[in-house]
Amino acid sequence: SSLTSLISGQAIDLAGLVPGKIETWNVIIDFKDVGITQIPLNSLRMMSARMKKNYKLRLHNLIAVNTSWVIQKGANFIYTFLDARITNKIKVHSDNGNSYLS
């Protein structure tokens, strides 16, 4: 899937973080045409672990767009276990997120 290609290809360029100038990052994950069974969970975990290790406390927002209702319900369930500081950084949208991103 295109989501796997994005993660495997490491299209996210974190070298752009410049101390004192650019110190936070946003992640946008587009789930368009990605079925629940096609989500590369292991790749997402590995990417997350690398980002936490190298860029701890730098996440500004994680935005998931074009999500299915299953992902939305799963996110709502997971929110119950997370600190509000973290859940405020995670946005899940069933559409393209235009209302939030603009």
Protein backbone atom coordinates (compact mmCIF):
# COMPACT_ATOMS: atom_id res chain seq x y z
CA SER A 1 0.00 0.00 0.00
CA SER A 2 1.03 3.62 -0.33
CA LEU A 3 1.16 3.93 3.46
CA THR A 4 3.73 1.13 3.64
CA SER A 5 5.76 2.79 0.90
CA LEU A 6 5.79 6.07 2.78
CA ILE A 7 7.00 4.46 6.00
CA SER A 8 9.44 2.04 4.37
CA GLY A 9 10.86 4.78 2.19
CA GLN A 10 11.28 7.00 5.25
CA ALA A 11 9.85 9.97 3.42
CA ILE A 12 9.89 11.90 6.67
CA ASP A 13 12.96 14.12 6.75
CA LEU A 14 13.81 14.78 10.37
CA ALA A 15 17.17 16.31 9.54
CA GLY A 16 15.31 19.58 9.14
CA LEU A 17 15.09 20.03 12.91
CA VAL A 18 17.31 22.98 13.72
CA PRO A 19 18.00 23.63 17.43
CA GLY A 20 16.67 27.02 18.46
CA LYS A 21 14.72 27.44 15.22
CA ILE A 22 12.69 24.35 14.25
CA GLU A 23 12.28 22.10 17.24
CA THR A 24 8.92 20.39 16.75
CA TRP A 25 7.48 18.17 14.07
CA ASN A 26 4.11 17.18 12.71
CA VAL A 27 3.22 13.78 11.30
CA ILE A 28 0.36 13.43 8.82
CA ILE A 29 -0.73 9.90 7.96
CA ASP A 30 -3.17 9.53 5.08
CA PHE A 31 -5.26 6.36 5.34
CA LYS A 32 -7.05 6.86 2.01
CA ASP A 33 -7.60 3.49 0.31
CA VAL A 34 -5.83 1.68 3.17
CA GLY A 35 -7.81 -1.14 4.73
CA ILE A 36 -7.48 -1.94 8.41
CA THR A 37 -5.53 -5.11 7.57
CA GLN A 38 -3.10 -3.15 5.36
CA ILE A 39 -1.83 -0.87 8.12
CA PRO A 40 1.88 -1.66 8.60
CA LEU A 41 1.83 -1.75 12.41
CA ASN A 42 5.39 -3.03 12.78
CA SER A 43 6.73 -0.27 10.53
CA LEU A 44 4.75 2.35 12.46
CA ARG A 45 6.13 1.00 15.75
CA MET A 46 9.71 1.08 14.44
CA MET A 47 9.28 4.62 13.10
CA SER A 48 7.77 5.72 16.39
CA ALA A 49 10.59 4.17 18.42
CA ARG A 50 13.25 5.88 16.27
CA MET A 51 11.52 9.22 16.52
CA LYS A 52 11.11 8.93 20.30
CA LYS A 53 14.75 8.00 20.74
CA ASN A 54 16.17 10.74 18.53
CA TYR A 55 13.58 13.48 18.84
CA LYS A 56 12.03 12.99 22.26
CA LEU A 57 9.32 15.47 23.23
CA ARG A 58 9.38 17.14 19.82
CA LEU A 59 6.02 15.92 18.45
CA HIS A 60 3.62 18.79 17.96
CA ASN A 61 0.79 16.90 16.25
CA LEU A 62 0.08 13.50 14.78
CA ILE A 63 -2.75 13.89 12.29
CA ALA A 64 -4.50 10.90 10.71
CA VAL A 65 -6.70 11.76 7.74
CA ASN A 66 -9.15 9.78 5.63
CA THR A 67 -9.57 7.24 8.40
CA SER A 68 -12.24 4.57 8.54
CA TRP A 69 -14.73 4.38 11.37
CA VAL A 70 -12.77 1.42 12.78
CA ILE A 71 -9.64 3.55 13.21
CA GLN A 72 -11.69 6.34 14.78
CA LYS A 73 -13.29 3.96 17.28
CA GLY A 74 -9.88 2.42 18.03
CA ALA A 75 -8.38 5.85 18.63
CA ASN A 76 -11.23 6.80 20.95
CA PHE A 77 -10.65 3.59 22.92
CA ILE A 78 -6.90 4.20 23.17
CA TYR A 79 -7.49 7.80 24.32
CA THR A 80 -8.97 6.46 27.56
CA PHE A 81 -5.53 5.11 28.52
CA LEU A 82 -3.45 8.12 27.51
CA ASP A 83 -2.61 11.34 29.29
CA ALA A 84 -4.52 14.40 28.05
CA ARG A 85 -1.23 16.03 27.03
CA ILE A 86 -0.73 13.23 24.51
CA THR A 87 -4.33 12.93 23.30
CA ASN A 88 -4.38 16.66 22.54
CA LYS A 89 -1.56 16.05 20.06
CA ILE A 90 -3.36 13.25 18.19
CA LYS A 91 -6.04 14.25 15.68
CA VAL A 92 -8.09 11.64 13.78
CA HIS A 93 -10.23 12.79 10.84
CA SER A 94 -12.58 10.80 8.63
CA ASP A 95 -12.15 13.39 5.88
CA ASN A 96 -8.99 15.00 4.53
CA GLY A 97 -8.57 17.08 7.70
CA ASN A 98 -9.02 20.32 5.79
CA SER A 99 -11.03 21.94 8.59
CA TYR A 100 -8.14 21.34 11.02
CA LEU A 101 -5.21 21.89 8.66
CA SER A 102 -6.39 25.17 7.14
